[in-house]
Amino acid sequence: MARVRGKEQLTALTVFKAKAGALPADGGGLFVKISEAGTCRATLRYTCAGQRRELGLGVLDRGSLAQTGASLTAVRPAAGEARRQVDVLGVDPIDTKRAEAKAAADAKAAKAHVKAKACTLARHARAYHARVVEKKRTPKHSK
């Protein structure tokens, strides 16, 4: 992969001191959006299959200069992996992310379904009660 000109030129101090509405760039399509409320989100802009896309990489913590630097350092490898998916593999990272989320949701639903079908003591007790006790009840017993 070719080295991106100006890559990693953004510093923690720049992000920490940026005003609301600013859009500082880190190079290679990595931008930091600062909202009016002061929240800071990392976004990667890229083009895949002729379509311009924006991939959210998470929120940057601007509590202190050290936290901002750590957040920025954590975002850069994720941006690099997304760039690798687009450039080398030719895969859209957003589609990959959605497919992984769908697979995780399907696995969670399957696990919940198995858990719902599991035989528990309470289910056995209710089945026994319906099968044995309810048959023996008469109107006199129900009073």
C-alpha atoms as a PDB file:
ATOM      1  CA  MET A   1       0.000   0.000   0.000  1.00  0.00           C
ATOM      2  CA  ALA A   2       1.361   3.413  -0.903  1.00  0.00           C
ATOM      3  CA  ARG A   3       2.202   5.760   1.916  1.00  0.00           C
ATOM      4  CA  VAL A   4      -0.409   8.449   2.276  1.00  0.00           C
ATOM      5  CA  ARG A   5       1.000  11.957   2.101  1.00  0.00           C
ATOM      6  CA  GLY A   6       0.530  13.850   5.359  1.00  0.00           C
ATOM      7  CA  LYS A   7      -0.652  10.768   7.217  1.00  0.00           C
ATOM      8  CA  GLU A   8      -0.820  11.082  11.001  1.00  0.00           C
ATOM      9  CA  GLN A   9      -0.272  14.815  10.991  1.00  0.00           C
ATOM     10  CA  LEU A  10      -3.047  15.343  13.541  1.00  0.00           C
ATOM     11  CA  THR A  11      -1.867  15.631  17.135  1.00  0.00           C
ATOM     12  CA  ALA A  12      -3.707  15.093  20.395  1.00  0.00           C
ATOM     13  CA  LEU A  13      -3.271  18.781  21.223  1.00  0.00           C
ATOM     14  CA  THR A  14      -4.973  19.808  17.954  1.00  0.00           C
ATOM     15  CA  VAL A  15      -7.980  17.582  18.701  1.00  0.00           C
ATOM     16  CA  PHE A  16      -8.074  18.584  22.355  1.00  0.00           C
ATOM     17  CA  LYS A  17      -8.152  22.317  21.576  1.00  0.00           C
ATOM     18  CA  ALA A  18     -10.388  22.168  18.478  1.00  0.00           C
ATOM     19  CA  LYS A  19     -13.551  24.265  18.584  1.00  0.00           C
ATOM     20  CA  ALA A  20     -17.072  23.024  17.920  1.00  0.00           C
ATOM     21  CA  GLY A  21     -17.805  22.582  14.227  1.00  0.00           C
ATOM     22  CA  ALA A  22     -14.162  21.971  13.345  1.00  0.00           C
ATOM     23  CA  LEU A  23     -13.201  19.109  11.049  1.00  0.00           C
ATOM     24  CA  PRO A  24      -9.468  18.452  11.501  1.00  0.00           C
ATOM     25  CA  ALA A  25      -7.987  15.868   9.125  1.00  0.00           C
ATOM     26  CA  ASP A  26      -5.406  13.238   9.991  1.00  0.00           C
ATOM     27  CA  GLY A  27      -4.623  12.380   6.388  1.00  0.00           C
ATOM     28  CA  GLY A  28      -5.563   9.358   4.360  1.00  0.00           C
ATOM     29  CA  GLY A  29      -9.276  10.138   4.713  1.00  0.00           C
ATOM     30  CA  LEU A  30      -9.364  10.137   8.524  1.00  0.00           C
ATOM     31  CA  PHE A  31     -11.305  13.101   9.892  1.00  0.00           C
ATOM     32  CA  VAL A  32     -12.336  14.139  13.375  1.00  0.00           C
ATOM     33  CA  LYS A  33     -15.781  15.755  13.602  1.00  0.00           C
ATOM     34  CA  ILE A  34     -16.405  17.980  16.598  1.00  0.00           C
ATOM     35  CA  SER A  35     -20.073  18.638  17.270  1.00  0.00           C
ATOM     36  CA  GLU A  36     -21.635  21.693  18.868  1.00  0.00           C
ATOM     37  CA  ALA A  37     -21.990  19.719  22.112  1.00  0.00           C
ATOM     38  CA  GLY A  38     -18.235  19.116  22.102  1.00  0.00           C
ATOM     39  CA  THR A  39     -18.330  15.392  21.337  1.00  0.00           C
ATOM     40  CA  CYS A  40     -15.621  14.235  19.001  1.00  0.00           C
ATOM     41  CA  ARG A  41     -16.105  11.411  16.462  1.00  0.00           C
ATOM     42  CA  ALA A  42     -13.521   9.835  14.185  1.00  0.00           C
ATOM     43  CA  THR A  43     -14.679   9.233  10.609  1.00  0.00           C
ATOM     44  CA  LEU A  44     -12.934   7.630   7.650  1.00  0.00           C
ATOM     45  CA  ARG A  45     -13.921   8.877   4.198  1.00  0.00           C
ATOM     46  CA  TYR A  46     -13.189   6.545   1.302  1.00  0.00           C
ATOM     47  CA  THR A  47     -14.441   5.580  -2.125  1.00  0.00           C
ATOM     48  CA  CYS A  48     -15.440   2.006  -2.847  1.00  0.00           C
ATOM     49  CA  ALA A  49     -16.938   0.858  -6.143  1.00  0.00           C
ATOM     50  CA  GLY A  50     -17.282   4.462  -7.276  1.00  0.00           C
ATOM     51  CA  GLN A  51     -19.336   5.445  -4.242  1.00  0.00           C
ATOM     52  CA  ARG A  52     -18.114   7.830  -1.534  1.00  0.00           C
ATOM     53  CA  ARG A  53     -18.671   6.419   1.939  1.00  0.00           C
ATOM     54  CA  GLU A  54     -18.033   7.478   5.531  1.00  0.00           C
ATOM     55  CA  LEU A  55     -17.200   4.890   8.181  1.00  0.00           C
ATOM     56  CA  GLY A  56     -17.598   5.884  11.818  1.00  0.00           C
ATOM     57  CA  LEU A  57     -14.664   4.697  13.893  1.00  0.00           C
ATOM     58  CA  GLY A  58     -15.899   5.739  17.313  1.00  0.00           C
ATOM     59  CA  VAL A  59     -15.890   8.569  19.785  1.00  0.00           C
ATOM     60  CA  LEU A  60     -12.674  10.240  20.900  1.00  0.00           C
ATOM     61  CA  ASP A  61     -12.382  11.055  24.595  1.00  0.00           C
ATOM     62  CA  ARG A  62     -11.415  14.688  25.104  1.00  0.00           C
ATOM     63  CA  GLY A  63     -11.360  14.611  28.909  1.00  0.00           C
ATOM     64  CA  SER A  64      -7.641  15.309  29.060  1.00  0.00           C
ATOM     65  CA  LEU A  65      -4.731  15.563  26.673  1.00  0.00           C
ATOM     66  CA  ALA A  66      -3.568  12.034  27.550  1.00  0.00           C
ATOM     67  CA  GLN A  67      -7.042  10.558  26.975  1.00  0.00           C
ATOM     68  CA  THR A  68      -7.316  12.391  23.656  1.00  0.00           C
ATOM     69  CA  GLY A  69      -3.944  11.009  22.570  1.00  0.00           C
ATOM     70  CA  ALA A  70      -4.889   7.481  23.603  1.00  0.00           C
ATOM     71  CA  SER A  71      -8.216   7.718  21.725  1.00  0.00           C
ATOM     72  CA  LEU A  72      -6.500   9.040  18.612  1.00  0.00           C
ATOM     73  CA  THR A  73      -3.873   6.295  18.810  1.00  0.00           C
ATOM     74  CA  ALA A  74      -6.619   3.654  19.091  1.00  0.00           C
ATOM     75  CA  VAL A  75      -8.498   4.971  16.040  1.00  0.00           C
ATOM     76  CA  ARG A  76      -5.549   4.973  13.623  1.00  0.00           C
ATOM     77  CA  PRO A  77      -5.160   1.152  13.377  1.00  0.00           C
ATOM     78  CA  ALA A  78      -8.904   0.796  12.745  1.00  0.00           C
ATOM     79  CA  ALA A  79      -8.629   3.346   9.942  1.00  0.00           C
ATOM     80  CA  GLY A  80      -5.613   1.513   8.536  1.00  0.00           C
ATOM     81  CA  GLU A  81      -7.497  -1.796   8.561  1.00  0.00           C
ATOM     82  CA  ALA A  82     -10.458  -0.191   6.776  1.00  0.00           C
ATOM     83  CA  ARG A  83      -8.123   1.319   4.169  1.00  0.00           C
ATOM     84  CA  ARG A  84      -6.533  -2.127   3.684  1.00  0.00           C
ATOM     85  CA  GLN A  85      -9.960  -3.678   3.130  1.00  0.00           C
ATOM     86  CA  VAL A  86     -10.779  -1.105   0.457  1.00  0.00           C
ATOM     87  CA  ASP A  87      -7.384  -0.949  -1.289  1.00  0.00           C
ATOM     88  CA  VAL A  88      -6.100  -4.530  -1.087  1.00  0.00           C
ATOM     89  CA  LEU A  89      -9.190  -6.690  -0.679  1.00  0.00           C
ATOM     90  CA  GLY A  90     -11.661  -4.494  -2.587  1.00  0.00           C
ATOM     91  CA  VAL A  91     -14.248  -4.976   0.155  1.00  0.00           C
ATOM     92  CA  ASP A  92     -16.441  -2.237   1.602  1.00  0.00           C
ATOM     93  CA  PRO A  93     -15.730  -2.011   5.372  1.00  0.00           C
ATOM     94  CA  ILE A  94     -19.273  -0.812   6.100  1.00  0.00           C
ATOM     95  CA  ASP A  95     -20.738  -3.932   4.485  1.00  0.00           C
ATOM     96  CA  THR A  96     -18.263  -6.072   6.428  1.00  0.00           C
ATOM     97  CA  LYS A  97     -19.216  -4.351   9.668  1.00  0.00           C
ATOM     98  CA  ARG A  98     -22.935  -4.848   8.980  1.00  0.00           C
ATOM     99  CA  ALA A  99     -22.412  -8.529   8.102  1.00  0.00           C
ATOM    100  CA  GLU A 100     -20.493  -9.077  11.357  1.00  0.00           C
ATOM    101  CA  ALA A 101     -23.226  -7.325  13.355  1.00  0.00           C
ATOM    102  CA  LYS A 102     -25.913  -9.438  11.658  1.00  0.00           C
ATOM    103  CA  ALA A 103     -23.980 -12.643  12.355  1.00  0.00           C
ATOM    104  CA  ALA A 104     -23.593 -11.641  16.017  1.00  0.00           C
ATOM    105  CA  ALA A 105     -27.319 -10.838  16.272  1.00  0.00           C
ATOM    106  CA  ASP A 106     -28.229 -14.171  14.649  1.00  0.00           C
ATOM    107  CA  ALA A 107     -25.948 -16.035  17.065  1.00  0.00           C
ATOM    108  CA  LYS A 108     -27.492 -14.200  20.007  1.00  0.00           C
ATOM    109  CA  ALA A 109     -31.016 -14.996  18.769  1.00  0.00           C
ATOM    110  CA  ALA A 110     -30.112 -18.669  18.301  1.00  0.00           C
ATOM    111  CA  LYS A 111     -28.690 -18.806  21.819  1.00  0.00           C
ATOM    112  CA  ALA A 112     -31.831 -17.181  23.229  1.00  0.00           C
ATOM    113  CA  HIS A 113     -33.996 -19.676  21.306  1.00  0.00           C
ATOM    114  CA  VAL A 114     -32.059 -22.622  22.726  1.00  0.00           C
ATOM    115  CA  LYS A 115     -32.310 -21.156  26.214  1.00  0.00           C
ATOM    116  CA  ALA A 116     -36.065 -20.665  25.827  1.00  0.00           C
ATOM    117  CA  LYS A 117     -36.476 -24.312  24.812  1.00  0.00           C
ATOM    118  CA  ALA A 118     -34.336 -25.651  27.655  1.00  0.00           C
ATOM    119  CA  CYS A 119     -36.045 -27.877  30.192  1.00  0.00           C
ATOM    120  CA  THR A 120     -36.103 -26.262  33.593  1.00  0.00           C
ATOM    121  CA  LEU A 121     -37.530 -27.418  36.873  1.00  0.00           C
ATOM    122  CA  ALA A 122     -40.300 -24.817  36.649  1.00  0.00           C
ATOM    123  CA  ARG A 123     -41.341 -26.049  33.186  1.00  0.00           C
ATOM    124  CA  HIS A 124     -41.364 -29.663  34.363  1.00  0.00           C
ATOM    125  CA  ALA A 125     -43.432 -28.694  37.397  1.00  0.00           C
ATOM    126  CA  ARG A 126     -45.988 -26.826  35.260  1.00  0.00           C
ATOM    127  CA  ALA A 127     -46.224 -29.731  32.812  1.00  0.00           C
ATOM    128  CA  TYR A 128     -46.709 -32.207  35.658  1.00  0.00           C
ATOM    129  CA  HIS A 129     -49.348 -29.985  37.223  1.00  0.00           C
ATOM    130  CA  ALA A 130     -51.254 -29.695  33.933  1.00  0.00           C
ATOM    131  CA  ARG A 131     -50.944 -33.413  33.196  1.00  0.00           C
ATOM    132  CA  VAL A 132     -51.695 -34.898  36.640  1.00  0.00           C
ATOM    133  CA  VAL A 133     -53.177 -32.410  39.085  1.00  0.00           C
ATOM    134  CA  GLU A 134     -55.571 -30.541  36.806  1.00  0.00           C
ATOM    135  CA  LYS A 135     -57.178 -33.814  35.634  1.00  0.00           C
ATOM    136  CA  LYS A 136     -58.098 -34.697  39.216  1.00  0.00           C
ATOM    137  CA  ARG A 137     -59.676 -31.328  40.013  1.00  0.00           C
ATOM    138  CA  THR A 138     -63.415 -31.114  40.326  1.00  0.00           C
ATOM    139  CA  PRO A 139     -65.583 -28.036  40.685  1.00  0.00           C
ATOM    140  CA  LYS A 140     -65.636 -28.712  44.421  1.00  0.00           C
ATOM    141  CA  HIS A 141     -61.818 -28.652  44.606  1.00  0.00           C
ATOM    142  CA  SER A 142     -61.568 -25.430  42.630  1.00  0.00           C
ATOM    143  CA  LYS A 143     -63.744 -23.626  45.199  1.00  0.00           C
END
